């Protein structure tokens, strides 16, 4: 199946739930940003509210990429191979995915305490964790470390991974923020917010699919056994 045929299949299968998830996340994020700014500029001030908003923002900032990745990975499977429904699939992997993502955040933070660049490098190395957790048989059997496996795959496909991250996690989001950030509030500009959310959904599917195909190509060239020895 060609890349774009698969892309269309993924969009058809999980476009709607991912759209709803993205719309909820985007609305919450905007709302938290507005409330945080209001609390900061309030003459009477309320440090506790600022910390509370920051904590909730961090929480949904961790949770949404996990849920979004699981939804897209589910959609990328062959329809005949999916014996479970979408949310059952998500719930089956959510706990383990959360553990590995928190481990990766801990390592990234640890390296960031030394210098910013080592922390950024660790963040890049852990890009493949969602695919290791959901697609690796050795990981399922407890014979593979997700962080180590992700690190090896990224190092062997460094320029491809960097290209995807640079375009879809830096350049495009920056452009959209500069030109369209004022039109994302669903309760103020519903039409533009709905259209921008649809664009976000497609870009997220596209970038996740690119990373997934790098992972699948690597696994077809290097057996799971080899990824265990890093």
N, C-alpha and C. Protein backbone atom coordinates (compact mmCIF):
# COMPACT_ATOMS: atom_id res chain seq x y z
N UNK A 1 0.84 -1.19 0.00
CA UNK A 1 0.00 0.00 0.00
C UNK A 1 0.88 1.25 0.00
N UNK A 2 0.58 2.22 -0.87
CA UNK A 2 1.36 3.44 -0.95
C UNK A 2 1.16 4.29 0.31
N UNK A 3 2.07 5.23 0.49
CA UNK A 3 2.01 6.08 1.69
C UNK A 3 0.68 6.83 1.76
N UNK A 4 0.25 7.43 0.64
CA UNK A 4 -0.95 8.26 0.67
C UNK A 4 -2.22 7.42 0.75
N UNK A 5 -2.18 6.21 0.20
CA UNK A 5 -3.34 5.31 0.36
C UNK A 5 -3.49 4.92 1.82
N UNK A 6 -2.37 4.64 2.45
CA UNK A 6 -2.41 4.31 3.87
C UNK A 6 -2.83 5.52 4.69
N UNK A 7 -2.34 6.69 4.29
CA UNK A 7 -2.70 7.91 4.98
C UNK A 7 -4.21 8.14 4.94
N UNK A 8 -4.82 7.91 3.77
CA UNK A 8 -6.26 8.06 3.63
C UNK A 8 -7.00 7.04 4.48
N UNK A 9 -6.47 5.80 4.53
CA UNK A 9 -7.09 4.76 5.35
C UNK A 9 -7.08 5.16 6.82
N UNK A 10 -5.93 5.67 7.30
CA UNK A 10 -5.82 6.10 8.70
C UNK A 10 -6.81 7.22 8.99
N UNK A 11 -6.88 8.19 8.08
CA UNK A 11 -7.76 9.33 8.29
C UNK A 11 -9.23 8.89 8.35
N UNK A 12 -9.61 7.97 7.49
CA UNK A 12 -10.99 7.48 7.49
C UNK A 12 -11.32 6.75 8.77
N UNK A 13 -10.36 5.97 9.28
CA UNK A 13 -10.64 5.11 10.43
C UNK A 13 -10.66 5.87 11.75
N UNK A 14 -9.74 6.83 11.91
CA UNK A 14 -9.63 7.46 13.23
C UNK A 14 -9.69 8.99 13.15
N UNK A 15 -10.05 9.53 12.00
CA UNK A 15 -10.09 10.98 11.86
C UNK A 15 -11.05 11.65 12.83
N UNK A 16 -12.25 11.09 12.96
CA UNK A 16 -13.25 11.72 13.82
C UNK A 16 -12.86 11.69 15.30
N UNK A 17 -12.51 10.53 15.88
CA UNK A 17 -12.11 10.55 17.29
C UNK A 17 -10.87 11.39 17.55
N UNK A 18 -9.93 11.38 16.60
CA UNK A 18 -8.73 12.20 16.79
C UNK A 18 -9.09 13.68 16.69
N UNK A 19 -10.04 14.02 15.83
CA UNK A 19 -10.50 15.41 15.71
C UNK A 19 -11.11 15.88 17.03
N UNK A 20 -11.98 15.07 17.60
CA UNK A 20 -12.62 15.43 18.87
C UNK A 20 -11.56 15.59 19.96
N UNK A 21 -10.63 14.64 20.02
CA UNK A 21 -9.56 14.69 21.01
C UNK A 21 -8.72 15.95 20.86
N UNK A 22 -8.38 16.29 19.61
CA UNK A 22 -7.56 17.47 19.34
C UNK A 22 -8.31 18.75 19.67
N UNK A 23 -9.60 18.79 19.35
CA UNK A 23 -10.40 19.97 19.64
C UNK A 23 -10.50 20.20 21.15
N UNK A 24 -10.71 19.13 21.90
CA UNK A 24 -10.79 19.25 23.36
C UNK A 24 -9.45 19.73 23.92
N UNK A 25 -8.36 19.12 23.46
CA UNK A 25 -7.03 19.51 23.94
C UNK A 25 -6.72 20.97 23.60
N UNK A 26 -6.99 21.37 22.35
CA UNK A 26 -6.70 22.73 21.91
C UNK A 26 -7.51 23.74 22.72
N UNK A 27 -8.77 23.44 22.95
CA UNK A 27 -9.64 24.36 23.71
C UNK A 27 -9.17 24.48 25.16
N UNK A 28 -8.82 23.33 25.78
CA UNK A 28 -8.32 23.36 27.15
C UNK A 28 -7.01 24.13 27.24
N UNK A 29 -6.14 23.92 26.28
CA UNK A 29 -4.85 24.58 26.29
C UNK A 29 -5.02 26.10 26.17
N UNK A 30 -5.89 26.53 25.25
CA UNK A 30 -6.14 27.95 25.10
C UNK A 30 -6.77 28.55 26.35
N UNK A 31 -7.70 27.82 26.93
CA UNK A 31 -8.38 28.30 28.14
C UNK A 31 -7.40 28.43 29.31
N UNK A 32 -6.53 27.44 29.46
CA UNK A 32 -5.54 27.49 30.53
C UNK A 32 -4.56 28.64 30.33
N UNK A 33 -4.19 28.89 29.08
CA UNK A 33 -3.28 30.00 28.78
C UNK A 33 -3.91 31.33 29.13
N UNK A 34 -5.17 31.51 28.76
CA UNK A 34 -5.88 32.75 29.07
C UNK A 34 -5.99 32.96 30.58
N UNK A 35 -6.37 31.90 31.28
CA UNK A 35 -6.53 32.02 32.74
C UNK A 35 -5.20 32.26 33.44
N UNK A 36 -4.13 31.63 32.94
CA UNK A 36 -2.81 31.84 33.53
C UNK A 36 -2.36 33.28 33.35
N UNK A 37 -2.56 33.82 32.15
CA UNK A 37 -2.18 35.21 31.89
C UNK A 37 -3.01 36.16 32.76
N UNK A 38 -4.29 35.87 32.89
CA UNK A 38 -5.15 36.72 33.73
C UNK A 38 -4.69 36.70 35.19
N UNK A 39 -4.31 35.51 35.68
CA UNK A 39 -3.84 35.40 37.07
C UNK A 39 -2.52 36.13 37.27
N UNK A 40 -1.65 36.06 36.25
CA UNK A 40 -0.35 36.73 36.37
C UNK A 40 -0.49 38.25 36.39
N UNK A 41 -1.44 38.78 35.60
CA UNK A 41 -1.59 40.23 35.51
C UNK A 41 -2.61 40.78 36.50
N UNK A 42 -3.20 39.91 37.28
CA UNK A 42 -4.16 40.36 38.29
C UNK A 42 -3.40 41.09 39.40
N UNK A 43 -3.77 42.35 39.68
CA UNK A 43 -3.05 43.12 40.72
C UNK A 43 -3.05 42.43 42.08
N UNK A 44 -4.15 41.75 42.38
CA UNK A 44 -4.23 41.05 43.66
C UNK A 44 -3.46 39.74 43.63
N UNK A 45 -3.30 39.18 42.42
CA UNK A 45 -2.47 38.00 42.22
C UNK A 45 -2.93 36.77 42.96
N UNK A 46 -2.54 35.61 42.43
CA UNK A 46 -2.86 34.35 43.10
C UNK A 46 -1.87 33.31 42.60
N UNK A 47 -0.77 33.19 43.31
CA UNK A 47 0.29 32.27 42.90
C UNK A 47 -0.20 30.83 42.85
N UNK A 48 -1.10 30.48 43.77
CA UNK A 48 -1.59 29.10 43.79
C UNK A 48 -2.34 28.75 42.52
N UNK A 49 -3.12 29.71 41.98
CA UNK A 49 -3.84 29.46 40.74
C UNK A 49 -2.88 29.32 39.57
N UNK A 50 -1.85 30.12 39.54
CA UNK A 50 -0.85 30.03 38.46
C UNK A 50 -0.21 28.65 38.45
N UNK A 51 0.16 28.16 39.63
CA UNK A 51 0.76 26.83 39.74
C UNK A 51 -0.24 25.75 39.34
N UNK A 52 -1.49 25.93 39.73
CA UNK A 52 -2.52 24.94 39.39
C UNK A 52 -2.73 24.87 37.89
N UNK A 53 -2.83 26.04 37.24
CA UNK A 53 -3.00 26.06 35.79
C UNK A 53 -1.79 25.45 35.09
N UNK A 54 -0.61 25.76 35.61
CA UNK A 54 0.60 25.21 35.01
C UNK A 54 0.65 23.70 35.12
N UNK A 55 0.24 23.18 36.28
CA UNK A 55 0.25 21.73 36.48
C UNK A 55 -0.74 21.05 35.53
N UNK A 56 -1.94 21.59 35.41
CA UNK A 56 -2.94 21.00 34.51
C UNK A 56 -2.47 21.07 33.06
N UNK A 57 -1.86 22.19 32.69
CA UNK A 57 -1.33 22.35 31.33
C UNK A 57 -0.25 21.31 31.04
N UNK A 58 0.64 21.09 32.01
CA UNK A 58 1.68 20.07 31.85
C UNK A 58 1.06 18.68 31.71
N UNK A 59 0.03 18.42 32.51
CA UNK A 59 -0.62 17.11 32.50
C UNK A 59 -1.25 16.81 31.14
N UNK A 60 -2.01 17.75 30.60
CA UNK A 60 -2.66 17.50 29.31
C UNK A 60 -1.63 17.53 28.19
N UNK A 61 -0.52 18.27 28.41
CA UNK A 61 0.55 18.29 27.41
C UNK A 61 1.26 16.95 27.30
N UNK A 62 1.25 16.16 28.38
CA UNK A 62 1.81 14.81 28.36
C UNK A 62 0.79 13.81 27.83
N UNK A 63 -0.46 13.97 28.31
CA UNK A 63 -1.49 12.99 28.00
C UNK A 63 -1.93 13.01 26.53
N UNK A 64 -2.08 14.21 25.95
CA UNK A 64 -2.59 14.28 24.58
C UNK A 64 -1.68 13.59 23.57
N UNK A 65 -0.35 13.84 23.57
CA UNK A 65 0.49 13.13 22.60
C UNK A 65 0.43 11.62 22.76
N UNK A 66 0.29 11.14 23.99
CA UNK A 66 0.18 9.70 24.22
C UNK A 66 -1.10 9.17 23.58
N UNK A 67 -2.23 9.80 23.91
CA UNK A 67 -3.51 9.36 23.36
C UNK A 67 -3.53 9.51 21.84
N UNK A 68 -3.04 10.64 21.35
CA UNK A 68 -3.04 10.87 19.91
C UNK A 68 -2.21 9.84 19.16
N UNK A 69 -1.03 9.53 19.68
CA UNK A 69 -0.17 8.53 19.04
C UNK A 69 -0.83 7.16 19.02
N UNK A 70 -1.46 6.77 20.13
CA UNK A 70 -2.13 5.48 20.19
C UNK A 70 -3.27 5.40 19.19
N UNK A 71 -4.02 6.49 19.05
CA UNK A 71 -5.13 6.51 18.09
C UNK A 71 -4.61 6.35 16.66
N UNK A 72 -3.56 7.06 16.31
CA UNK A 72 -3.01 6.97 14.95
C UNK A 72 -2.40 5.60 14.70
N UNK A 73 -1.68 5.05 15.66
CA UNK A 73 -1.08 3.72 15.49
C UNK A 73 -2.17 2.67 15.31
N UNK A 74 -3.25 2.81 16.06
CA UNK A 74 -4.39 1.91 15.87
C UNK A 74 -4.93 2.02 14.44
N UNK A 75 -5.09 3.25 13.97
CA UNK A 75 -5.61 3.45 12.63
C UNK A 75 -4.70 2.95 11.54
N UNK A 76 -3.39 2.86 11.82
CA UNK A 76 -2.42 2.42 10.81
C UNK A 76 -2.40 0.91 10.64
N UNK A 77 -3.02 0.17 11.56
CA UNK A 77 -3.06 -1.28 11.43
C UNK A 77 -4.04 -1.69 10.34
N UNK A 78 -3.84 -2.87 9.82
CA UNK A 78 -4.79 -3.42 8.86
C UNK A 78 -6.14 -3.61 9.56
N UNK A 79 -7.24 -3.18 8.93
CA UNK A 79 -8.56 -3.32 9.57
C UNK A 79 -8.87 -4.75 9.98
N UNK A 80 -8.40 -5.73 9.21
CA UNK A 80 -8.68 -7.12 9.54
C UNK A 80 -7.90 -7.59 10.76
N UNK A 81 -6.84 -6.88 11.08
CA UNK A 81 -5.99 -7.30 12.20
C UNK A 81 -6.51 -6.77 13.53
N UNK A 82 -7.43 -5.86 13.49
CA UNK A 82 -7.90 -5.22 14.72
C UNK A 82 -9.08 -5.98 15.30
N UNK A 83 -8.81 -6.84 16.27
CA UNK A 83 -9.88 -7.57 16.93
C UNK A 83 -10.53 -6.71 18.01
N UNK A 84 -9.82 -5.72 18.50
CA UNK A 84 -10.34 -4.86 19.56
C UNK A 84 -10.80 -3.53 18.97
N UNK A 85 -11.71 -2.86 19.68
CA UNK A 85 -12.12 -1.53 19.29
C UNK A 85 -11.05 -0.51 19.62
N UNK A 86 -11.23 0.70 19.14
CA UNK A 86 -10.24 1.75 19.33
C UNK A 86 -9.95 2.02 20.79
N UNK A 87 -10.99 2.27 21.58
CA UNK A 87 -10.75 2.67 22.96
C UNK A 87 -10.26 1.50 23.82
N UNK A 88 -10.65 0.29 23.45
CA UNK A 88 -10.10 -0.87 24.15
C UNK A 88 -8.61 -0.99 23.86
N UNK A 89 -8.23 -0.73 22.62
CA UNK A 89 -6.81 -0.75 22.22
C UNK A 89 -6.04 0.32 22.99
N UNK A 90 -6.62 1.53 23.06
CA UNK A 90 -5.96 2.63 23.76
C UNK A 90 -5.77 2.29 25.23
N UNK A 91 -6.82 1.79 25.87
CA UNK A 91 -6.74 1.46 27.29
C UNK A 91 -5.75 0.34 27.56
N UNK A 92 -5.62 -0.61 26.62
CA UNK A 92 -4.67 -1.71 26.79
C UNK A 92 -3.22 -1.22 26.82
N UNK A 93 -2.94 -0.14 26.08
CA UNK A 93 -1.56 0.34 25.96
C UNK A 93 -1.29 1.60 26.76
N UNK A 94 -2.33 2.24 27.28
CA UNK A 94 -2.17 3.55 27.91
C UNK A 94 -1.25 3.50 29.13
N UNK A 95 -1.42 2.50 29.98
CA UNK A 95 -0.62 2.43 31.20
C UNK A 95 0.86 2.28 30.88
N UNK A 96 1.20 1.33 30.02
CA UNK A 96 2.60 1.09 29.70
C UNK A 96 3.21 2.25 28.93
N UNK A 97 2.41 2.84 28.03
CA UNK A 97 2.90 4.00 27.29
C UNK A 97 3.19 5.15 28.24
N UNK A 98 2.29 5.36 29.20
CA UNK A 98 2.50 6.42 30.18
C UNK A 98 3.77 6.21 30.99
N UNK A 99 4.02 4.97 31.39
CA UNK A 99 5.23 4.66 32.16
C UNK A 99 6.48 4.99 31.36
N UNK A 100 6.52 4.55 30.10
CA UNK A 100 7.71 4.76 29.27
C UNK A 100 7.90 6.24 28.93
N UNK A 101 6.81 6.95 28.69
CA UNK A 101 6.93 8.38 28.39
C UNK A 101 7.43 9.14 29.61
N UNK A 102 6.94 8.80 30.80
CA UNK A 102 7.41 9.45 32.01
C UNK A 102 8.89 9.12 32.26
N UNK A 103 9.28 7.88 31.97
CA UNK A 103 10.71 7.52 32.07
C UNK A 103 11.55 8.39 31.13
N UNK A 104 11.06 8.57 29.92
CA UNK A 104 11.80 9.36 28.94
C UNK A 104 11.87 10.83 29.37
N UNK A 105 10.77 11.34 29.95
CA UNK A 105 10.77 12.72 30.44
C UNK A 105 11.77 12.87 31.59
N UNK A 106 11.82 11.86 32.46
CA UNK A 106 12.77 11.91 33.56
C UNK A 106 14.21 11.95 33.08
N UNK A 107 14.52 11.10 32.11
CA UNK A 107 15.88 11.09 31.56
C UNK A 107 16.20 12.39 30.83
N UNK A 108 15.21 12.90 30.09
CA UNK A 108 15.42 14.16 29.36
C UNK A 108 15.67 15.31 30.34
N UNK A 109 14.89 15.35 31.42
CA UNK A 109 15.08 16.39 32.43
C UNK A 109 16.43 16.27 33.10
N UNK A 110 16.85 15.04 33.38
CA UNK A 110 18.14 14.80 34.02
C UNK A 110 19.27 15.33 33.15
N UNK A 111 19.21 15.03 31.85
CA UNK A 111 20.24 15.51 30.94
C UNK A 111 20.15 17.02 30.73
N UNK A 112 18.93 17.58 30.82
CA UNK A 112 18.76 19.03 30.66
C UNK A 112 19.40 19.79 31.81
N UNK A 113 19.52 19.14 32.98
CA UNK A 113 20.15 19.81 34.12
C UNK A 113 21.62 20.05 33.87
N UNK A 114 22.21 19.25 32.97
CA UNK A 114 23.62 19.44 32.62
C UNK A 114 23.72 20.63 31.65
N UNK A 115 23.09 20.46 30.47
CA UNK A 115 22.98 21.52 29.48
C UNK A 115 21.68 21.31 28.71
N UNK A 116 21.22 22.33 28.02
CA UNK A 116 19.96 22.22 27.26
C UNK A 116 20.10 21.24 26.10
N UNK A 117 21.21 21.31 25.38
CA UNK A 117 21.37 20.48 24.18
C UNK A 117 21.34 18.98 24.47
N UNK A 118 22.02 18.49 25.53
CA UNK A 118 21.89 17.06 25.84
C UNK A 118 20.45 16.65 26.12
N UNK A 119 19.68 17.50 26.78
CA UNK A 119 18.28 17.20 27.04
C UNK A 119 17.48 17.13 25.75
N UNK A 120 17.74 18.07 24.84
CA UNK A 120 17.07 18.06 23.54
C UNK A 120 17.43 16.82 22.75
N UNK A 121 18.69 16.42 22.83
CA UNK A 121 19.13 15.22 22.12
C UNK A 121 18.41 13.98 22.66
N UNK A 122 18.24 13.89 23.97
CA UNK A 122 17.53 12.77 24.56
C UNK A 122 16.06 12.77 24.12
N UNK A 123 15.47 13.94 24.05
CA UNK A 123 14.08 14.04 23.58
C UNK A 123 13.95 13.46 22.17
N UNK A 124 14.91 13.77 21.32
CA UNK A 124 14.89 13.26 19.94
C UNK A 124 15.08 11.74 19.94
N UNK A 125 16.01 11.26 20.76
CA UNK A 125 16.28 9.82 20.79
C UNK A 125 15.07 9.00 21.23
N UNK A 126 14.19 9.59 22.01
CA UNK A 126 13.05 8.84 22.54
C UNK A 126 11.79 8.99 21.67
N UNK A 127 11.96 9.49 20.46
CA UNK A 127 10.83 9.71 19.56
C UNK A 127 10.08 8.43 19.23
N UNK A 128 10.78 7.31 19.17
CA UNK A 128 10.19 6.05 18.71
C UNK A 128 9.53 5.23 19.82
N UNK A 129 9.49 5.75 21.03
CA UNK A 129 8.91 4.99 22.15
C UNK A 129 7.49 4.50 21.89
N UNK A 130 6.57 5.34 21.35
CA UNK A 130 5.21 4.84 21.12
C UNK A 130 5.16 3.62 20.21
N UNK A 131 6.04 3.55 19.24
CA UNK A 131 6.02 2.42 18.29
C UNK A 131 6.65 1.17 18.90
N UNK A 132 7.67 1.38 19.73
CA UNK A 132 8.27 0.24 20.42
C UNK A 132 7.25 -0.39 21.37
N UNK A 133 6.55 0.44 22.12
CA UNK A 133 5.58 -0.05 23.10
C UNK A 133 4.45 -0.81 22.42
N UNK A 134 3.99 -0.32 21.27
CA UNK A 134 2.81 -0.92 20.64
C UNK A 134 3.13 -1.94 19.56
N UNK A 135 4.37 -1.93 19.03
CA UNK A 135 4.66 -2.78 17.87
C UNK A 135 5.77 -3.81 18.07
N UNK A 136 6.48 -3.74 19.17
CA UNK A 136 7.61 -4.65 19.37
C UNK A 136 7.20 -5.89 20.14
N UNK A 137 7.42 -7.05 19.56
CA UNK A 137 7.11 -8.31 20.24
C UNK A 137 8.04 -8.54 21.42
N UNK A 138 9.31 -8.16 21.27
CA UNK A 138 10.26 -8.34 22.37
C UNK A 138 9.88 -7.46 23.55
N UNK A 139 9.40 -6.28 23.29
CA UNK A 139 8.95 -5.42 24.38
C UNK A 139 7.76 -6.06 25.10
N UNK A 140 6.85 -6.62 24.34
CA UNK A 140 5.68 -7.28 24.93
C UNK A 140 6.09 -8.42 25.86
N UNK A 141 7.19 -9.08 25.50
CA UNK A 141 7.65 -10.20 26.31
C UNK A 141 8.57 -9.76 27.45
N UNK A 142 8.80 -8.47 27.58
CA UNK A 142 9.65 -7.95 28.64
C UNK A 142 11.12 -8.15 28.38
N UNK A 143 11.51 -8.33 27.11
CA UNK A 143 12.91 -8.60 26.78
C UNK A 143 13.61 -7.39 26.16
N UNK A 144 12.93 -6.25 26.13
CA UNK A 144 13.50 -5.08 25.45
C UNK A 144 13.17 -3.82 26.24
N UNK A 145 14.14 -2.93 26.34
CA UNK A 145 13.93 -1.64 26.98
C UNK A 145 13.48 -0.63 25.93
N UNK A 146 12.35 0.02 26.16
CA UNK A 146 11.78 0.93 25.16
C UNK A 146 12.71 2.11 24.87
N UNK A 147 13.34 2.65 25.91
CA UNK A 147 14.20 3.81 25.71
C UNK A 147 15.44 3.45 24.89
N UNK A 148 16.02 2.29 25.19
CA UNK A 148 17.21 1.85 24.45
C UNK A 148 16.87 1.52 23.00
N UNK A 149 15.75 0.84 22.79
CA UNK A 149 15.35 0.48 21.43
C UNK A 149 15.07 1.73 20.61
N UNK A 150 14.37 2.70 21.19
CA UNK A 150 14.09 3.95 20.50
C UNK A 150 15.37 4.68 20.15
N UNK A 151 16.30 4.71 21.09
CA UNK A 151 17.57 5.38 20.86
C UNK A 151 18.31 4.79 19.67
N UNK A 152 18.36 3.46 19.58
CA UNK A 152 19.08 2.83 18.49
C UNK A 152 18.41 3.12 17.15
N UNK A 153 17.09 3.04 17.11
CA UNK A 153 16.39 3.29 15.85
C UNK A 153 16.61 4.73 15.39
N UNK A 154 16.52 5.67 16.31
CA UNK A 154 16.71 7.08 15.94
C UNK A 154 18.13 7.32 15.45
N UNK A 155 19.12 6.76 16.12
CA UNK A 155 20.51 6.96 15.70
C UNK A 155 20.76 6.40 14.30
N UNK A 156 20.09 5.30 13.97
CA UNK A 156 20.30 4.69 12.66
C UNK A 156 19.47 5.36 11.56
N UNK A 157 18.55 6.22 11.96
CA UNK A 157 17.72 6.95 10.99
C UNK A 157 17.67 8.44 11.35
N UNK A 158 18.81 8.95 11.78
CA UNK A 158 18.84 10.26 12.42
C UNK A 158 18.32 11.38 11.52
N UNK A 159 18.78 11.44 10.28
CA UNK A 159 18.40 12.57 9.43
C UNK A 159 16.93 12.52 9.03
N UNK A 160 16.40 11.31 8.86
CA UNK A 160 14.97 11.19 8.56
C UNK A 160 14.13 11.65 9.75
N UNK A 161 14.49 11.18 10.94
CA UNK A 161 13.74 11.57 12.14
C UNK A 161 13.86 13.07 12.39
N UNK A 162 15.06 13.61 12.26
CA UNK A 162 15.25 15.04 12.45
C UNK A 162 14.44 15.86 11.45
N UNK A 163 14.37 15.37 10.22
CA UNK A 163 13.60 16.07 9.19
C UNK A 163 12.13 16.15 9.57
N UNK A 164 11.58 15.02 10.02
CA UNK A 164 10.16 14.99 10.42
C UNK A 164 9.93 15.91 11.61
N UNK A 165 10.77 15.82 12.61
CA UNK A 165 10.59 16.64 13.81
C UNK A 165 10.76 18.13 13.50
N UNK A 166 11.73 18.46 12.66
CA UNK A 166 11.99 19.86 12.33
C UNK A 166 10.79 20.48 11.61
N UNK A 167 10.26 19.75 10.62
CA UNK A 167 9.16 20.29 9.82
C UNK A 167 7.86 20.32 10.60
N UNK A 168 7.51 19.19 11.23
CA UNK A 168 6.17 19.05 11.82
C UNK A 168 6.09 19.44 13.30
N UNK A 169 7.22 19.53 13.98
CA UNK A 169 7.18 19.90 15.40
C UNK A 169 7.76 21.29 15.65
N UNK A 170 8.34 21.90 14.62
CA UNK A 170 8.94 23.22 14.82
C UNK A 170 8.48 24.23 13.77
N UNK A 171 8.80 23.95 12.50
CA UNK A 171 8.54 24.93 11.44
C UNK A 171 7.04 25.18 11.25
N UNK A 172 6.29 24.11 10.96
CA UNK A 172 4.85 24.27 10.69
C UNK A 172 4.09 24.81 11.90
N UNK A 173 4.29 24.25 13.14
CA UNK A 173 3.59 24.82 14.29
C UNK A 173 3.93 26.30 14.52
N UNK A 174 5.18 26.68 14.28
CA UNK A 174 5.57 28.09 14.46
C UNK A 174 4.83 28.99 13.49
N UNK A 175 4.73 28.55 12.22
CA UNK A 175 4.02 29.34 11.21
C UNK A 175 2.54 29.46 11.57
N UNK A 176 1.93 28.34 11.97
CA UNK A 176 0.51 28.36 12.32
C UNK A 176 0.25 29.25 13.54
N UNK A 177 1.17 29.22 14.51
CA UNK A 177 1.01 30.04 15.71
C UNK A 177 1.10 31.53 15.38
N UNK A 178 2.07 31.90 14.55
CA UNK A 178 2.26 33.31 14.21
C UNK A 178 1.05 33.88 13.46
N UNK A 179 0.53 33.11 12.50
CA UNK A 179 -0.50 33.66 11.63
C UNK A 179 -1.93 33.35 12.07
N UNK A 180 -2.14 32.26 12.82
CA UNK A 180 -3.52 31.83 13.07
C UNK A 180 -3.86 31.62 14.55
N UNK A 181 -2.97 31.97 15.46
CA UNK A 181 -3.23 31.68 16.87
C UNK A 181 -4.47 32.41 17.39
N UNK A 182 -4.76 33.58 16.83
CA UNK A 182 -5.92 34.36 17.29
C UNK A 182 -7.24 33.78 16.82
N UNK A 183 -7.20 32.78 15.94
CA UNK A 183 -8.42 32.22 15.37
C UNK A 183 -8.71 30.81 15.86
N UNK A 184 -8.08 30.42 16.95
CA UNK A 184 -8.20 29.04 17.44
C UNK A 184 -9.23 28.87 18.56
N UNK A 185 -9.76 29.95 19.07
CA UNK A 185 -10.72 29.85 20.17
C UNK A 185 -12.08 29.45 19.62
N UNK A 186 -12.52 28.23 19.95
CA UNK A 186 -13.75 27.68 19.40
C UNK A 186 -14.97 28.49 19.81
N UNK A 187 -14.91 29.17 20.98
CA UNK A 187 -16.07 29.94 21.45
C UNK A 187 -16.07 31.36 20.90
N UNK A 188 -15.00 31.77 20.19
CA UNK A 188 -14.97 33.11 19.58
C UNK A 188 -15.02 33.04 18.06
N UNK A 189 -14.22 32.15 17.50
CA UNK A 189 -14.19 31.99 16.03
C UNK A 189 -14.38 30.51 15.70
N UNK A 190 -15.61 30.00 15.83
CA UNK A 190 -15.84 28.55 15.70
C UNK A 190 -15.46 27.96 14.34
N UNK A 191 -15.74 28.69 13.25
CA UNK A 191 -15.46 28.14 11.92
C UNK A 191 -13.95 28.00 11.70
N UNK A 192 -13.22 29.07 11.95
CA UNK A 192 -11.77 29.02 11.74
C UNK A 192 -11.12 28.04 12.71
N UNK A 193 -11.60 27.98 13.95
CA UNK A 193 -11.04 27.04 14.93
C UNK A 193 -11.27 25.60 14.50
N UNK A 194 -12.46 25.33 13.96
CA UNK A 194 -12.77 23.97 13.50
C UNK A 194 -11.89 23.58 12.32
N UNK A 195 -11.66 24.51 11.41
CA UNK A 195 -10.82 24.23 10.24
C UNK A 195 -9.35 24.06 10.63
N UNK A 196 -8.88 24.90 11.53
CA UNK A 196 -7.49 24.78 11.99
C UNK A 196 -7.28 23.48 12.76
N UNK A 197 -8.29 23.05 13.51
CA UNK A 197 -8.19 21.77 14.21
C UNK A 197 -8.11 20.63 13.21
N UNK A 198 -8.88 20.71 12.14
CA UNK A 198 -8.82 19.68 11.10
C UNK A 198 -7.43 19.63 10.48
N UNK A 199 -6.83 20.79 10.25
CA UNK A 199 -5.47 20.83 9.73
C UNK A 199 -4.49 20.22 10.72
N UNK A 200 -4.64 20.53 12.00
CA UNK A 200 -3.78 19.95 13.04
C UNK A 200 -3.87 18.43 13.04
N UNK A 201 -5.10 17.92 12.90
CA UNK A 201 -5.32 16.48 12.90
C UNK A 201 -4.59 15.83 11.73
N UNK A 202 -4.72 16.42 10.56
CA UNK A 202 -4.07 15.83 9.38
C UNK A 202 -2.54 15.87 9.53
N UNK A 203 -2.02 16.98 9.99
CA UNK A 203 -0.56 17.10 10.16
C UNK A 203 -0.05 16.12 11.20
N UNK A 204 -0.83 15.91 12.27
CA UNK A 204 -0.42 14.95 13.29
C UNK A 204 -0.41 13.54 12.74
N UNK A 205 -1.44 13.19 11.98
CA UNK A 205 -1.49 11.86 11.35
C UNK A 205 -0.31 11.70 10.40
N UNK A 206 -0.06 12.71 9.59
CA UNK A 206 1.00 12.65 8.58
C UNK A 206 2.37 12.46 9.24
N UNK A 207 2.67 13.25 10.25
CA UNK A 207 3.98 13.17 10.90
C UNK A 207 4.14 11.86 11.65
N UNK A 208 3.08 11.41 12.33
CA UNK A 208 3.15 10.14 13.07
C UNK A 208 3.32 8.98 12.10
N UNK A 209 2.65 9.05 10.96
CA UNK A 209 2.79 7.99 9.96
C UNK A 209 4.20 7.95 9.39
N UNK A 210 4.80 9.12 9.18
CA UNK A 210 6.19 9.15 8.69
C UNK A 210 7.13 8.47 9.68
N UNK A 211 6.98 8.77 10.96
CA UNK A 211 7.83 8.15 11.99
C UNK A 211 7.55 6.65 12.09
N UNK A 212 6.27 6.28 11.97
CA UNK A 212 5.90 4.87 12.04
C UNK A 212 6.54 4.09 10.89
N UNK A 213 6.56 4.67 9.71
CA UNK A 213 7.14 3.98 8.56
C UNK A 213 8.66 3.85 8.70
N UNK A 214 9.30 4.83 9.32
CA UNK A 214 10.73 4.69 9.63
C UNK A 214 10.94 3.52 10.58
N UNK A 215 10.10 3.42 11.60
CA UNK A 215 10.18 2.32 12.55
C UNK A 215 9.95 0.99 11.86
N UNK A 216 8.94 0.90 11.02
CA UNK A 216 8.62 -0.36 10.34
C UNK A 216 9.73 -0.76 9.36
N UNK A 217 10.29 0.22 8.67
CA UNK A 217 11.39 -0.07 7.75
C UNK A 217 12.60 -0.58 8.51
N UNK A 218 12.88 0.04 9.65
CA UNK A 218 14.01 -0.40 10.47
C UNK A 218 13.79 -1.82 10.98
N UNK A 219 12.57 -2.12 11.41
CA UNK A 219 12.27 -3.45 11.92
C UNK A 219 12.31 -4.51 10.84
N UNK A 220 12.02 -4.12 9.61
CA UNK A 220 12.09 -5.08 8.52
C UNK A 220 13.52 -5.39 8.13
N UNK A 221 14.43 -4.44 8.45
CA UNK A 221 15.85 -4.61 8.13
C UNK A 221 16.62 -5.21 9.30
N UNK A 222 16.20 -4.84 10.52
CA UNK A 222 16.88 -5.31 11.73
C UNK A 222 15.89 -6.05 12.59
N UNK A 223 16.10 -7.33 12.88
CA UNK A 223 15.17 -8.08 13.72
C UNK A 223 15.04 -7.48 15.10
N UNK A 224 13.90 -7.78 15.76
CA UNK A 224 13.68 -7.31 17.12
C UNK A 224 14.80 -7.73 18.06
N UNK A 225 15.39 -8.91 17.82
CA UNK A 225 16.47 -9.41 18.68
C UNK A 225 17.64 -8.42 18.69
N UNK A 226 17.91 -7.84 17.51
CA UNK A 226 19.06 -6.94 17.42
C UNK A 226 18.84 -5.66 18.19
N UNK A 227 17.57 -5.22 18.25
CA UNK A 227 17.26 -3.98 18.95
C UNK A 227 17.36 -4.12 20.46
N UNK A 228 17.42 -5.34 20.92
CA UNK A 228 17.51 -5.56 22.37
C UNK A 228 18.90 -5.31 22.90
N UNK A 229 19.89 -5.39 22.02
CA UNK A 229 21.29 -5.27 22.48
C UNK A 229 21.82 -3.89 22.12
N UNK A 230 21.62 -2.93 22.98
CA UNK A 230 22.11 -1.59 22.73
C UNK A 230 23.18 -1.24 23.76
